[in-house]
Amino acid sequence: DLLSSATDCFRSGKGIVDWLLNVVVVESCDEFTIDKTDKRKDDDLYISIRREEIMALAKVCVTNSLFLHKLASAKAGRKNASNGVAVEFKAHKQYCTMSIR
């Protein structure tokens, strides 16, 4: 089923985002308390993703998971789900979030 596969995808994505949020710490953290083999500061020059980007991806995962849950509930109740679906790029510039109008 497409809905369950997409839900699993966003759930897995959220798990990765949560892991990244534990690894990439904010700039204000004390340098002496950070194990540099385990965590990176957000202002590190060699980091591949910034905390701001991770938070935007978290918003995409959570918003789309909620949308899919509402869509699955509407499908199970056999209701006319909506007048349409809105696709927005406010949370992230490359990945869309979906909502029922």
N, C-alpha and C. Protein backbone atom coordinates (compact mmCIF):
# COMPACT_ATOMS: atom_id res chain seq x y z
N ASP A 1 0.84 -1.17 0.00
CA ASP A 1 0.00 0.00 0.00
C ASP A 1 0.90 1.25 0.00
N LEU A 2 0.58 2.17 -0.83
CA LEU A 2 1.38 3.39 -0.99
C LEU A 2 1.40 4.23 0.29
N LEU A 3 0.27 4.36 0.95
CA LEU A 3 0.21 5.18 2.17
C LEU A 3 1.10 4.60 3.28
N SER A 4 1.07 3.31 3.46
CA SER A 4 1.89 2.72 4.53
C SER A 4 3.38 2.78 4.18
N SER A 5 3.72 2.62 2.91
CA SER A 5 5.13 2.73 2.50
C SER A 5 5.64 4.15 2.69
N ALA A 6 4.84 5.14 2.32
CA ALA A 6 5.25 6.53 2.50
C ALA A 6 5.35 6.88 3.98
N THR A 7 4.43 6.38 4.79
CA THR A 7 4.47 6.61 6.23
C THR A 7 5.75 6.02 6.83
N ASP A 8 6.09 4.80 6.42
CA ASP A 8 7.33 4.17 6.89
C ASP A 8 8.56 4.97 6.48
N CYS A 9 8.54 5.53 5.28
CA CYS A 9 9.65 6.33 4.79
C CYS A 9 9.85 7.58 5.65
N PHE A 10 8.76 8.29 5.94
CA PHE A 10 8.87 9.50 6.76
C PHE A 10 9.22 9.16 8.21
N ARG A 11 8.77 8.03 8.70
CA ARG A 11 9.13 7.59 10.06
C ARG A 11 10.63 7.29 10.13
N SER A 12 11.16 6.62 9.11
CA SER A 12 12.59 6.35 9.06
C SER A 12 13.40 7.64 8.94
N GLY A 13 12.90 8.55 8.11
CA GLY A 13 13.56 9.85 7.96
C GLY A 13 13.60 10.61 9.27
N LYS A 14 12.52 10.57 10.03
CA LYS A 14 12.47 11.25 11.33
C LYS A 14 13.46 10.62 12.31
N GLY A 15 13.63 9.31 12.23
CA GLY A 15 14.61 8.64 13.09
C GLY A 15 16.03 9.11 12.78
N ILE A 16 16.34 9.26 11.51
CA ILE A 16 17.67 9.75 11.11
C ILE A 16 17.84 11.21 11.54
N VAL A 17 16.80 12.00 11.38
CA VAL A 17 16.85 13.41 11.81
C VAL A 17 17.09 13.49 13.31
N ASP A 18 16.41 12.67 14.09
CA ASP A 18 16.60 12.68 15.54
C ASP A 18 18.04 12.32 15.90
N TRP A 19 18.60 11.35 15.20
CA TRP A 19 19.99 10.96 15.44
C TRP A 19 20.93 12.12 15.10
N LEU A 20 20.69 12.79 13.98
CA LEU A 20 21.52 13.93 13.59
C LEU A 20 21.42 15.08 14.59
N LEU A 21 20.23 15.31 15.13
CA LEU A 21 20.07 16.36 16.13
C LEU A 21 20.87 16.06 17.40
N ASN A 22 21.08 14.79 17.70
CA ASN A 22 21.91 14.42 18.84
C ASN A 22 23.40 14.60 18.54
N VAL A 23 23.77 14.51 17.28
CA VAL A 23 25.18 14.61 16.89
C VAL A 23 25.61 16.06 16.68
N VAL A 24 24.78 16.84 16.00
CA VAL A 24 25.11 18.23 15.70
C VAL A 24 24.56 19.10 16.83
N VAL A 25 25.44 19.66 17.61
CA VAL A 25 25.03 20.45 18.76
C VAL A 25 25.14 21.94 18.44
N VAL A 26 24.47 22.75 19.21
CA VAL A 26 24.46 24.20 18.97
C VAL A 26 25.82 24.81 19.32
N GLU A 27 26.06 26.00 18.78
CA GLU A 27 27.35 26.66 18.96
C GLU A 27 27.65 27.00 20.41
N SER A 28 26.62 27.23 21.19
CA SER A 28 26.82 27.71 22.57
C SER A 28 27.28 26.61 23.53
N CYS A 29 27.38 25.37 23.07
CA CYS A 29 27.83 24.30 23.96
C CYS A 29 29.31 24.47 24.30
N ASP A 30 29.66 24.06 25.49
CA ASP A 30 31.03 24.15 25.95
C ASP A 30 31.91 23.16 25.19
N GLU A 31 33.03 23.64 24.64
CA GLU A 31 33.91 22.78 23.84
C GLU A 31 34.48 21.63 24.64
N PHE A 32 34.68 21.83 25.92
CA PHE A 32 35.30 20.80 26.74
C PHE A 32 34.34 19.67 27.08
N THR A 33 33.05 19.89 26.94
CA THR A 33 32.08 18.84 27.23
C THR A 33 31.71 18.03 25.99
N ILE A 34 32.19 18.45 24.81
CA ILE A 34 31.85 17.76 23.57
C ILE A 34 32.94 16.75 23.23
N ASP A 35 32.55 15.50 23.05
CA ASP A 35 33.48 14.48 22.55
C ASP A 35 33.50 14.61 21.04
N LYS A 36 34.59 15.12 20.48
CA LYS A 36 34.65 15.44 19.06
C LYS A 36 34.57 14.21 18.16
N THR A 37 34.76 13.02 18.72
CA THR A 37 34.59 11.81 17.92
C THR A 37 33.12 11.41 17.82
N ASP A 38 32.31 11.98 18.70
CA ASP A 38 30.90 11.61 18.78
C ASP A 38 29.95 12.74 18.36
N LYS A 39 30.35 13.99 18.59
CA LYS A 39 29.46 15.13 18.31
C LYS A 39 30.23 16.22 17.58
N ARG A 40 29.48 17.06 16.87
CA ARG A 40 30.06 18.19 16.15
C ARG A 40 29.28 19.44 16.48
N LYS A 41 29.99 20.57 16.59
CA LYS A 41 29.32 21.84 16.79
C LYS A 41 28.76 22.32 15.45
N ASP A 42 27.70 23.08 15.51
CA ASP A 42 27.02 23.55 14.30
C ASP A 42 27.91 24.49 13.47
N ASP A 43 28.87 25.15 14.10
CA ASP A 43 29.73 26.07 13.36
C ASP A 43 31.03 25.42 12.87
N ASP A 44 31.13 24.11 12.95
CA ASP A 44 32.30 23.38 12.46
C ASP A 44 32.40 23.56 10.94
N LEU A 45 33.57 23.92 10.46
CA LEU A 45 33.76 24.15 9.02
C LEU A 45 33.60 22.89 8.18
N TYR A 46 33.85 21.74 8.76
CA TYR A 46 33.86 20.49 8.00
C TYR A 46 32.58 19.66 8.15
N ILE A 47 31.57 20.25 8.72
CA ILE A 47 30.32 19.52 8.91
C ILE A 47 29.53 19.53 7.60
N SER A 48 28.89 18.42 7.28
CA SER A 48 28.20 18.31 5.99
C SER A 48 26.76 18.83 6.02
N ILE A 49 26.19 18.99 7.20
CA ILE A 49 24.83 19.50 7.31
C ILE A 49 24.73 20.36 8.56
N ARG A 50 24.03 21.44 8.45
CA ARG A 50 23.86 22.37 9.57
C ARG A 50 22.57 22.04 10.33
N ARG A 51 22.54 22.45 11.58
CA ARG A 51 21.38 22.18 12.44
C ARG A 51 20.10 22.79 11.88
N GLU A 52 20.19 23.96 11.27
CA GLU A 52 19.02 24.60 10.66
C GLU A 52 18.41 23.72 9.56
N GLU A 53 19.27 23.12 8.75
CA GLU A 53 18.81 22.21 7.70
C GLU A 53 18.17 20.96 8.30
N ILE A 54 18.75 20.45 9.36
CA ILE A 54 18.19 19.26 10.03
C ILE A 54 16.80 19.56 10.57
N MET A 55 16.63 20.74 11.16
CA MET A 55 15.32 21.12 11.70
C MET A 55 14.29 21.27 10.58
N ALA A 56 14.70 21.78 9.43
CA ALA A 56 13.78 21.91 8.30
C ALA A 56 13.35 20.52 7.81
N LEU A 57 14.28 19.58 7.77
CA LEU A 57 13.93 18.22 7.36
C LEU A 57 13.01 17.56 8.39
N ALA A 58 13.21 17.86 9.65
CA ALA A 58 12.32 17.33 10.69
C ALA A 58 10.89 17.83 10.48
N LYS A 59 10.75 19.11 10.14
CA LYS A 59 9.42 19.67 9.88
C LYS A 59 8.75 18.97 8.71
N VAL A 60 9.52 18.69 7.66
CA VAL A 60 8.96 17.98 6.50
C VAL A 60 8.49 16.59 6.89
N CYS A 61 9.32 15.86 7.63
CA CYS A 61 8.95 14.49 8.04
C CYS A 61 7.71 14.48 8.92
N VAL A 62 7.65 15.35 9.89
CA VAL A 62 6.51 15.37 10.83
C VAL A 62 5.24 15.83 10.12
N THR A 63 5.32 16.90 9.35
CA THR A 63 4.13 17.42 8.65
C THR A 63 3.57 16.40 7.68
N ASN A 64 4.44 15.77 6.91
CA ASN A 64 3.96 14.79 5.93
C ASN A 64 3.46 13.51 6.60
N SER A 65 4.04 13.13 7.73
CA SER A 65 3.52 11.98 8.48
C SER A 65 2.11 12.25 8.98
N LEU A 66 1.89 13.45 9.50
CA LEU A 66 0.54 13.81 9.95
C LEU A 66 -0.45 13.85 8.79
N PHE A 67 -0.02 14.38 7.66
CA PHE A 67 -0.88 14.41 6.48
C PHE A 67 -1.27 13.00 6.05
N LEU A 68 -0.30 12.10 6.01
CA LEU A 68 -0.59 10.72 5.61
C LEU A 68 -1.51 10.02 6.61
N HIS A 69 -1.35 10.35 7.90
CA HIS A 69 -2.25 9.79 8.91
C HIS A 69 -3.68 10.26 8.67
N LYS A 70 -3.86 11.56 8.41
CA LYS A 70 -5.19 12.10 8.14
C LYS A 70 -5.77 11.48 6.87
N LEU A 71 -4.94 11.31 5.86
CA LEU A 71 -5.39 10.73 4.60
C LEU A 71 -5.82 9.28 4.79
N ALA A 72 -5.05 8.52 5.56
CA ALA A 72 -5.39 7.13 5.83
C ALA A 72 -6.68 7.03 6.64
N SER A 73 -6.87 7.95 7.59
CA SER A 73 -8.11 7.96 8.38
C SER A 73 -9.31 8.28 7.51
N ALA A 74 -9.15 9.22 6.60
CA ALA A 74 -10.24 9.58 5.69
C ALA A 74 -10.56 8.43 4.75
N LYS A 75 -9.52 7.73 4.32
CA LYS A 75 -9.71 6.59 3.42
C LYS A 75 -10.44 5.45 4.15
N ALA A 76 -10.06 5.22 5.41
CA ALA A 76 -10.70 4.16 6.20
C ALA A 76 -12.15 4.48 6.46
N GLY A 77 -12.47 5.77 6.68
CA GLY A 77 -13.85 6.18 6.93
C GLY A 77 -14.64 6.36 5.64
N ARG A 78 -13.97 6.23 4.52
CA ARG A 78 -14.57 6.39 3.19
C ARG A 78 -15.22 7.74 3.00
N LYS A 79 -14.67 8.74 3.67
CA LYS A 79 -15.18 10.10 3.50
C LYS A 79 -14.57 10.69 2.24
N ASN A 80 -15.24 11.70 1.72
CA ASN A 80 -14.61 12.50 0.69
C ASN A 80 -13.53 13.28 1.40
N ALA A 81 -12.28 12.90 1.20
CA ALA A 81 -11.16 13.38 2.02
C ALA A 81 -11.00 14.88 1.99
N SER A 82 -11.13 15.48 0.83
CA SER A 82 -10.85 16.91 0.76
C SER A 82 -11.26 17.46 -0.59
N ASN A 83 -11.14 18.77 -0.66
CA ASN A 83 -11.32 19.42 -1.95
C ASN A 83 -10.03 19.36 -2.75
N GLY A 84 -8.94 19.10 -2.09
CA GLY A 84 -7.66 19.02 -2.76
C GLY A 84 -6.52 18.95 -1.77
N VAL A 85 -5.35 18.85 -2.32
CA VAL A 85 -4.15 18.77 -1.52
C VAL A 85 -3.28 19.98 -1.84
N ALA A 86 -2.78 20.62 -0.81
CA ALA A 86 -1.88 21.76 -1.00
C ALA A 86 -0.44 21.28 -0.82
N VAL A 87 0.43 21.66 -1.72
CA VAL A 87 1.84 21.33 -1.65
C VAL A 87 2.60 22.64 -1.42
N GLU A 88 3.39 22.67 -0.36
CA GLU A 88 4.09 23.91 0.01
C GLU A 88 5.59 23.64 0.18
N PHE A 89 6.37 24.68 -0.02
CA PHE A 89 7.81 24.61 0.16
C PHE A 89 8.26 25.63 1.22
N LYS A 90 7.45 25.85 2.24
CA LYS A 90 7.78 26.81 3.29
C LYS A 90 8.78 26.24 4.30
N ALA A 91 8.64 24.97 4.64
CA ALA A 91 9.51 24.36 5.65
C ALA A 91 10.91 24.08 5.11
N HIS A 92 10.98 23.70 3.84
CA HIS A 92 12.26 23.34 3.21
C HIS A 92 12.21 23.76 1.76
N LYS A 93 13.34 24.19 1.23
CA LYS A 93 13.35 24.71 -0.14
C LYS A 93 13.32 23.63 -1.21
N GLN A 94 13.66 22.38 -0.87
CA GLN A 94 13.67 21.31 -1.86
C GLN A 94 12.60 20.25 -1.65
N TYR A 95 12.19 20.05 -0.41
CA TYR A 95 11.22 19.00 -0.09
C TYR A 95 9.90 19.64 0.32
N CYS A 96 8.84 19.16 -0.26
CA CYS A 96 7.53 19.78 -0.01
C CYS A 96 6.85 19.18 1.21
N THR A 97 5.93 19.95 1.75
CA THR A 97 5.01 19.44 2.76
C THR A 97 3.62 19.45 2.14
N MET A 98 2.80 18.51 2.54
CA MET A 98 1.46 18.38 1.98
C MET A 98 0.43 18.63 3.07
N SER A 99 -0.68 19.20 2.67
CA SER A 99 -1.80 19.40 3.60
C SER A 99 -3.11 19.31 2.83
N ILE A 100 -4.15 18.95 3.56
CA ILE A 100 -5.48 18.85 2.98
C ILE A 100 -6.11 20.23 3.04
N ARG A 101 -6.68 20.66 1.94
CA ARG A 101 -7.37 21.96 1.90
C ARG A 101 -8.75 21.85 2.46
